[in-house]
Amino acid sequence: FLLVAKRADGQDCTFLPLTEATEAGQPAEASRGYPDPAVCEAFVMTDREIYRPGETVFVQTLLRTRDGRPPAPFPVSLDVLKPDGRRFTGCALLPDALGAAATQVALPDYVPSGTYRVQLKMPGGGALLGACAVRVESFVPPQIRVALPELPAAARAGERLAIKVRAEHLFGKPAAGLAAAADVTCSAAEFKPDGWAGYRFGDAEKSLPFTQVRCDRQALGEDGCAVFEAQLDAALRPPALVQAVVQGTVTETGGRTVSARAAVPLHAYPFYLGLKPEAGSVLRVGAPQTVRVAAVNPDGSRRTARVPLKVTLEQVSWISNLRKDRAGLYQWSSERVKTPVTEGEAATGAEDALYRFTPQQAGAFVLTFTDPESQASSSWP
């Protein structure tokens, strides 16, 4: 059988083949239908989402009919429910000609904390028109400020990073005796030195796994300071630069923590390789290509010493397989495969190295330059 749906004018049609695999379910019901023409909905909102006991909640409502117009004014009931669902307070409201109404709800100092529900209903416990939720918490602003002074401008893998955490009360007195902690989280970042426009840095074939170094907790001294040492992993092999996010955390006497963060460039290689192809990422088969290669120090200056490099050209292909998993289901999986095509050598120094090659066949390729000693590398594209 074939189910066909066609426009009355015959300009468009679609069809659905009805086979044994076709299941005709019950029509789905919308989670929320349109209100009747005589019924309206209310948008209930507050000026904030969280309040302290003793503060005032400003509530505003806006009523609209099905066609988006304000209804004729009629009385409504506003109720505030406590976290346990019991009624806390309420009042009667009369929206204006625009369907808007506003009121204030005072929260006593003894009000319990939790999530309160503000709802607007028809008078006499009628239909619910709209609602919103607010939180009431006895929160206070931080009593201390935390800083990370004397961080180095840059760090190197394998070194110990000194982290000084300083905390003081907002009125200026050192926060002596409070517990403090520090950690360093490393993530891959781009290396973009000044003066090297057009050069590509980094090896896209490498990845940096999640790396975090945690320091033992200690108490702040009389001066409100504590010094930590984080041992940076010497075996990091990121695509290029590493961004080390240093975080210092101090715990107040009430148990709340206040933190400060700062980013420090972390260099895992003694230099970076910059590639500047003379052509774009799409090449012609049989056309000679030239790639300029430069070794750049972490400070952005050229590395004039001779650096021998290993050059590898690999072809990239994808293999797709239909595999049976442990549950007995068949799923398609694709695997990226790199096949070496050619290998060569190059050397950088006071001038850029010029590496020339000629693509012999069509396809996707990756050209990688690697320093065998430091494992610094860059790939194109």
Protein backbone atom coordinates (compact mmCIF):
# COMPACT_ATOMS: atom_id res chain seq x y z
CA PHE A 1 0.00 0.00 0.00
CA LEU A 2 1.05 3.59 -0.57
CA LEU A 3 -0.21 6.61 1.37
CA VAL A 4 -0.21 9.72 -0.82
CA ALA A 5 -0.79 13.32 0.29
CA LYS A 6 -1.38 15.88 -2.47
CA ARG A 7 -2.09 19.60 -2.51
CA ALA A 8 -5.49 20.64 -3.78
CA ASP A 9 -3.95 22.48 -6.73
CA GLY A 10 -1.76 19.50 -7.62
CA GLN A 11 1.49 21.51 -7.37
CA ASP A 12 3.08 19.31 -4.70
CA CYS A 13 2.69 15.82 -3.26
CA THR A 14 4.45 13.33 -0.99
CA PHE A 15 4.00 9.64 -0.21
CA LEU A 16 4.69 7.04 2.49
CA PRO A 17 5.02 3.35 1.60
CA LEU A 18 3.08 1.16 4.04
CA THR A 19 5.00 -2.07 4.53
CA GLU A 20 5.19 -4.65 7.25
CA ALA A 21 7.92 -2.54 8.93
CA THR A 22 5.69 0.53 9.04
CA GLU A 23 4.16 1.12 12.45
CA ALA A 24 1.20 3.44 12.75
CA GLY A 25 1.14 4.72 16.32
CA GLN A 26 -1.45 6.74 18.12
CA PRO A 27 -1.42 10.46 17.37
CA ALA A 28 0.94 12.26 19.76
CA GLU A 29 -0.56 14.72 22.16
CA ALA A 30 1.17 18.04 22.73
CA SER A 31 2.59 18.47 26.21
CA ARG A 32 0.72 21.76 26.43
CA GLY A 33 -2.23 22.73 24.28
CA TYR A 34 -3.50 26.13 23.30
CA PRO A 35 -5.79 27.78 25.82
CA ASP A 36 -9.43 28.30 25.00
CA PRO A 37 -10.32 31.68 23.50
CA ALA A 38 -11.85 32.79 26.81
CA VAL A 39 -8.80 31.68 28.85
CA CYS A 40 -5.56 33.58 29.18
CA GLU A 41 -2.05 32.78 30.37
CA ALA A 42 0.16 34.71 32.74
CA PHE A 43 3.90 35.33 32.64
CA VAL A 44 5.09 35.58 36.26
CA MET A 45 8.54 37.02 36.89
CA THR A 46 10.68 38.46 39.70
CA ASP A 47 13.51 40.97 39.68
CA ARG A 48 15.99 38.30 40.85
CA GLU A 49 16.19 34.55 41.19
CA ILE A 50 17.63 34.42 44.72
CA TYR A 51 16.96 36.44 47.89
CA ARG A 52 18.11 36.61 51.49
CA PRO A 53 15.72 36.38 54.44
CA GLY A 54 14.54 39.88 55.30
CA GLU A 55 14.58 41.13 51.70
CA THR A 56 11.64 42.05 49.47
CA VAL A 57 10.65 40.14 46.35
CA PHE A 58 9.29 42.28 43.51
CA VAL A 59 6.77 40.27 41.47
CA GLN A 60 5.35 41.29 38.12
CA THR A 61 2.76 39.48 36.04
CA LEU A 62 1.65 39.90 32.45
CA LEU A 63 -1.56 38.33 31.15
CA ARG A 64 -2.19 37.50 27.51
CA THR A 65 -4.94 35.75 25.60
CA ARG A 66 -4.51 33.16 22.90
CA ASP A 67 -3.94 35.79 20.21
CA GLY A 68 -1.37 37.64 22.35
CA ARG A 69 -3.64 40.48 23.40
CA PRO A 70 -4.27 41.66 26.97
CA PRO A 71 -7.58 40.44 28.35
CA ALA A 72 -10.28 42.62 29.84
CA PRO A 73 -9.25 43.38 33.46
CA PHE A 74 -10.43 40.80 35.99
CA PRO A 75 -9.23 39.97 39.54
CA VAL A 76 -6.58 37.28 40.04
CA SER A 77 -5.01 35.64 43.09
CA LEU A 78 -1.26 35.59 43.74
CA ASP A 79 -0.01 32.86 46.10
CA VAL A 80 3.51 32.21 47.39
CA LEU A 81 4.19 28.59 48.40
CA LYS A 82 6.95 27.53 50.77
CA PRO A 83 9.45 24.76 49.90
CA ASP A 84 7.20 22.22 51.62
CA GLY A 85 4.28 23.22 49.36
CA ARG A 86 2.25 25.04 52.01
CA ARG A 87 0.97 28.55 51.39
CA PHE A 88 3.25 31.25 52.77
CA THR A 89 1.40 34.39 51.79
CA GLY A 90 -0.71 35.83 49.00
CA CYS A 91 -2.81 38.71 47.79
CA ALA A 92 -5.44 39.69 45.24
CA LEU A 93 -4.42 41.66 42.15
CA LEU A 94 -6.28 43.51 39.44
CA PRO A 95 -4.30 43.77 36.18
CA ASP A 96 -4.50 47.01 34.22
CA ALA A 97 -5.68 47.50 30.66
CA LEU A 98 -2.32 46.16 29.39
CA GLY A 99 -2.68 42.98 31.40
CA ALA A 100 0.11 43.91 33.81
CA ALA A 101 0.09 43.75 37.60
CA ALA A 102 2.85 44.08 40.19
CA THR A 103 3.24 43.56 43.92
CA GLN A 104 5.87 43.11 46.62
CA VAL A 105 6.37 40.16 48.95
CA ALA A 106 8.32 40.84 52.16
CA LEU A 107 10.43 37.96 53.45
CA PRO A 108 10.77 37.88 57.27
CA ASP A 109 14.14 37.22 58.85
CA TYR A 110 12.94 33.84 60.10
CA VAL A 111 11.73 32.56 56.73
CA PRO A 112 13.14 29.08 55.96
CA SER A 113 15.53 28.70 53.06
CA GLY A 114 14.72 26.77 49.93
CA THR A 115 12.81 27.14 46.66
CA TYR A 116 9.57 29.13 46.78
CA ARG A 117 6.90 29.01 44.09
CA VAL A 118 5.03 32.15 43.03
CA GLN A 119 1.83 31.32 41.16
CA LEU A 120 -1.06 33.28 39.71
CA LYS A 121 -4.51 31.69 39.73
CA MET A 122 -8.10 32.52 39.09
CA PRO A 123 -9.90 33.71 42.23
CA GLY A 124 -11.29 31.14 44.61
CA GLY A 125 -8.70 28.47 43.86
CA GLY A 126 -9.44 28.45 40.14
CA ALA A 127 -7.25 27.52 37.19
CA LEU A 128 -3.51 28.15 37.32
CA LEU A 129 -2.53 30.96 34.94
CA GLY A 130 1.24 31.04 35.45
CA ALA A 131 4.05 30.49 37.96
CA CYS A 132 7.76 30.96 38.61
CA ALA A 133 10.27 29.84 41.25
CA VAL A 134 12.69 31.80 43.43
CA ARG A 135 15.30 30.70 45.95
CA VAL A 136 15.75 32.03 49.46
CA GLU A 137 19.21 31.49 50.94
CA SER A 138 21.14 32.99 53.84
CA PHE A 139 24.14 33.76 51.67
CA VAL A 140 26.70 36.45 52.44
CA PRO A 141 29.35 37.96 50.15
CA PRO A 142 32.95 36.73 50.45
CA GLN A 143 34.78 38.05 53.48
CA ILE A 144 38.26 37.69 51.98
CA ARG A 145 40.03 38.42 48.72
CA VAL A 146 42.56 36.04 47.18
CA ALA A 147 45.44 36.91 44.85
CA LEU A 148 48.27 35.08 43.08
CA PRO A 149 51.22 37.48 43.19
CA GLU A 150 54.70 36.84 41.82
CA LEU A 151 53.74 34.29 39.17
CA PRO A 152 56.39 33.95 36.45
CA ALA A 153 55.79 35.33 32.98
CA ALA A 154 56.30 31.82 31.55
CA ALA A 155 57.20 28.32 32.70
CA ARG A 156 58.86 25.26 31.21
CA ALA A 157 57.89 21.61 31.40
CA GLY A 158 59.90 19.65 33.94
CA GLU A 159 60.41 22.64 36.23
CA ARG A 160 58.85 23.39 39.61
CA LEU A 161 56.35 26.21 39.43
CA ALA A 162 56.30 28.34 42.57
CA ILE A 163 52.77 29.47 43.43
CA LYS A 164 52.28 32.13 46.09
CA VAL A 165 48.74 32.46 47.40
CA ARG A 166 47.87 35.58 49.37
CA ALA A 167 44.57 36.21 51.16
CA GLU A 168 43.38 39.15 53.19
CA HIS A 169 40.13 40.22 54.76
CA LEU A 170 38.18 42.88 52.95
CA PHE A 171 39.12 45.39 55.61
CA GLY A 172 42.82 44.73 54.89
CA LYS A 173 44.00 42.40 57.64
CA PRO A 174 45.88 39.26 56.47
CA ALA A 175 43.76 36.12 56.60
CA ALA A 176 46.25 34.23 58.77
CA GLY A 177 45.59 30.62 59.67
CA LEU A 178 43.04 29.84 56.93
CA ALA A 179 43.45 26.67 54.91
CA ALA A 180 44.78 27.17 51.38
CA ALA A 181 45.31 24.97 48.35
CA ALA A 182 46.68 25.36 44.83
CA ASP A 183 46.50 23.44 41.58
CA VAL A 184 47.61 23.79 37.96
CA THR A 185 45.50 22.67 34.99
CA CYS A 186 47.16 22.36 31.58
CA SER A 187 45.44 22.67 28.22
CA ALA A 188 46.61 23.05 24.63
CA ALA A 189 46.92 26.58 23.25
CA GLU A 190 48.06 28.23 20.02
CA PHE A 191 51.56 29.63 19.65
CA LYS A 192 51.26 33.01 17.89
CA PRO A 193 54.52 34.99 18.16
CA ASP A 194 54.75 38.51 16.81
CA GLY A 195 56.52 38.99 13.51
CA TRP A 196 55.68 35.58 12.07
CA ALA A 197 52.53 36.28 10.13
CA GLY A 198 51.66 33.55 7.64
CA TYR A 199 53.52 30.80 9.55
CA ARG A 200 51.66 27.83 10.99
CA PHE A 201 52.81 26.50 14.37
CA GLY A 202 51.78 23.22 15.95
CA ASP A 203 51.19 19.60 15.09
CA ALA A 204 47.50 18.83 14.64
CA GLU A 205 48.30 15.11 14.85
CA LYS A 206 49.19 15.50 18.54
CA SER A 207 46.81 15.98 21.45
CA LEU A 208 47.21 16.95 25.07
CA PRO A 209 45.26 14.83 27.58
CA PHE A 210 43.72 16.41 30.66
CA THR A 211 46.59 17.25 32.98
CA GLN A 212 46.22 18.64 36.49
CA VAL A 213 48.75 19.01 39.30
CA ARG A 214 47.39 19.38 42.83
CA CYS A 215 49.45 20.72 45.72
CA ASP A 216 49.07 19.69 49.35
CA ARG A 217 46.92 21.95 51.50
CA GLN A 218 48.58 24.19 54.04
CA ALA A 219 47.67 27.02 56.39
CA LEU A 220 48.32 30.66 55.55
CA GLY A 221 51.10 32.30 57.53
CA GLU A 222 50.88 35.41 59.67
CA ASP A 223 51.28 37.52 56.55
CA GLY A 224 48.32 35.74 54.93
CA CYS A 225 50.55 33.98 52.39
CA ALA A 226 51.43 30.41 51.52
CA VAL A 227 53.89 29.18 48.88
CA PHE A 228 53.26 25.99 46.90
CA GLU A 229 55.42 24.13 44.40
CA ALA A 230 53.85 22.33 41.47
CA GLN A 231 56.02 19.83 39.59
CA LEU A 232 55.30 20.29 35.88
CA ASP A 233 55.38 17.12 33.80
CA ALA A 234 58.50 16.90 31.64
CA ALA A 235 56.88 14.33 29.35
CA LEU A 236 54.26 16.69 27.95
CA ARG A 237 54.06 16.47 24.16
CA PRO A 238 51.34 18.98 23.20
CA PRO A 239 50.57 20.21 19.67
CA ALA A 240 52.31 23.50 20.47
CA LEU A 241 52.04 25.88 23.42
CA VAL A 242 50.45 24.86 26.73
CA GLN A 243 48.32 27.18 28.83
CA ALA A 244 48.75 26.48 32.53
CA VAL A 245 45.83 27.81 34.56
CA VAL A 246 46.96 28.35 38.15
CA GLN A 247 44.28 28.42 40.83
CA GLY A 248 44.69 29.35 44.46
CA THR A 249 41.85 28.55 46.86
CA VAL A 250 41.39 29.70 50.45
CA THR A 251 38.67 28.33 52.75
CA GLU A 252 36.87 30.79 55.02
CA THR A 253 36.10 29.92 58.62
CA GLY A 254 32.50 29.16 57.61
CA GLY A 255 33.63 26.56 55.05
CA ARG A 256 33.13 28.60 51.88
CA THR A 257 35.99 28.77 49.39
CA VAL A 258 37.29 31.84 47.55
CA SER A 259 39.59 31.36 44.57
CA ALA A 260 41.85 33.33 42.25
CA ARG A 261 43.03 32.20 38.81
CA ALA A 262 45.78 33.24 36.44
CA ALA A 263 47.14 31.81 33.18
CA VAL A 264 50.85 31.16 32.63
CA PRO A 265 52.30 30.10 29.23
CA LEU A 266 53.98 26.72 29.58
CA HIS A 267 56.62 25.71 27.04
CA ALA A 268 57.11 21.98 26.55
CA TYR A 269 59.64 22.43 23.72
CA PRO A 270 62.81 24.52 23.51
CA PHE A 271 61.53 25.99 20.23
CA TYR A 272 58.62 25.76 17.83
CA LEU A 273 58.59 24.97 14.14
CA GLY A 274 56.79 27.39 11.86
CA LEU A 275 55.62 26.32 8.40
CA LYS A 276 54.79 28.70 5.58
CA PRO A 277 53.54 26.91 2.45
CA GLU A 278 53.78 28.86 -0.78
CA ALA A 279 50.49 27.28 -1.97
CA GLY A 280 47.14 26.76 -0.35
CA SER A 281 45.78 23.54 1.10
CA VAL A 282 44.63 22.30 -2.34
CA LEU A 283 47.53 21.20 -4.59
CA ARG A 284 47.81 19.95 -8.15
CA VAL A 285 49.18 16.51 -8.89
CA GLY A 286 52.64 16.77 -10.46
CA ALA A 287 53.12 20.46 -9.53
CA PRO A 288 56.26 21.14 -7.41
CA GLN A 289 55.51 22.65 -3.99
CA THR A 290 57.73 24.56 -1.56
CA VAL A 291 57.32 24.92 2.21
CA ARG A 292 59.38 27.36 4.26
CA VAL A 293 60.41 26.09 7.71
CA ALA A 294 61.71 28.20 10.62
CA ALA A 295 62.63 27.38 14.21
CA VAL A 296 61.30 30.03 16.62
CA ASN A 297 62.22 30.42 20.28
CA PRO A 298 59.47 30.78 22.90
CA ASP A 299 60.13 34.54 23.08
CA GLY A 300 59.43 34.88 19.34
CA SER A 301 63.04 35.27 18.16
CA ARG A 302 64.54 33.10 15.43
CA ARG A 303 66.64 30.14 16.53
CA THR A 304 69.83 30.65 14.55
CA ALA A 305 71.48 27.37 15.57
CA ARG A 306 71.22 24.59 13.01
CA VAL A 307 68.32 22.23 13.73
CA PRO A 308 68.12 19.01 11.66
CA LEU A 309 64.56 17.92 10.94
CA LYS A 310 62.86 14.74 9.81
CA VAL A 311 60.20 15.22 7.14
CA THR A 312 57.36 12.74 6.60
CA LEU A 313 54.64 12.85 3.95
CA GLU A 314 51.69 10.58 4.76
CA GLN A 315 48.48 9.84 2.91
CA VAL A 316 45.28 9.95 4.95
CA SER A 317 42.44 7.54 4.22
CA TRP A 318 39.37 6.30 6.01
CA ILE A 319 38.32 2.68 6.44
CA SER A 320 34.67 2.01 7.29
CA ASN A 321 33.57 -1.31 8.76
CA LEU A 322 30.24 -2.76 9.80
CA ARG A 323 30.97 -4.37 13.15
CA LYS A 324 28.93 -6.39 15.59
CA ASP A 325 29.08 -5.09 19.14
CA ARG A 326 28.69 -7.01 22.39
CA ALA A 327 24.94 -6.47 22.38
CA GLY A 328 24.68 -8.20 19.04
CA LEU A 329 23.92 -5.01 17.12
CA TYR A 330 25.72 -4.00 13.92
CA GLN A 331 27.18 -0.49 13.79
CA TRP A 332 29.30 1.36 11.28
CA SER A 333 32.70 2.53 12.48
CA SER A 334 35.27 4.62 10.61
CA GLU A 335 39.00 4.54 11.27
CA ARG A 336 41.53 7.13 10.11
CA VAL A 337 44.63 5.53 8.61
CA LYS A 338 47.90 7.26 7.72
CA THR A 339 50.17 5.58 5.20
CA PRO A 340 53.78 6.84 4.79
CA VAL A 341 54.51 8.00 1.26
CA THR A 342 57.94 9.61 1.39
CA GLU A 343 60.51 10.66 3.99
CA GLY A 344 63.12 13.37 3.78
CA GLU A 345 65.36 15.71 5.72
CA ALA A 346 65.63 19.44 6.23
CA ALA A 347 67.57 21.82 8.47
CA THR A 348 66.76 25.27 9.80
CA GLY A 349 69.18 27.93 10.99
CA ALA A 350 69.76 31.61 10.43
CA GLU A 351 67.54 31.35 7.33
CA ASP A 352 64.35 29.48 6.59
CA ALA A 353 64.70 25.95 5.29
CA LEU A 354 63.08 25.38 1.89
CA TYR A 355 61.58 21.94 1.52
CA ARG A 356 60.37 20.97 -1.94
CA PHE A 357 58.19 18.04 -2.90
CA THR A 358 55.88 17.02 -5.75
CA PRO A 359 52.52 15.28 -5.15
CA GLN A 360 52.36 12.17 -7.31
CA GLN A 361 48.74 11.22 -6.76
CA ALA A 362 45.46 12.69 -5.65
CA GLY A 363 44.14 12.34 -2.11
CA ALA A 364 44.49 13.78 1.38
CA PHE A 365 48.01 14.11 2.77
CA VAL A 366 49.78 15.35 5.90
CA LEU A 367 53.28 16.82 5.80
CA THR A 368 55.08 16.75 9.18
CA PHE A 369 58.40 18.28 10.23
CA THR A 370 59.90 16.85 13.46
CA ASP A 371 62.98 17.57 15.53
CA PRO A 372 64.12 14.07 16.62
CA GLU A 373 65.85 15.41 19.73
CA SER A 374 63.13 17.57 21.33
CA GLN A 375 60.15 16.01 19.51
CA ALA A 376 59.00 19.50 18.53
CA SER A 377 56.93 19.20 15.37
CA SER A 378 54.54 20.98 13.06
CA SER A 379 52.19 19.57 10.45
CA TRP A 380 50.50 20.91 7.33
CA PRO A 381 47.65 21.21 6.73
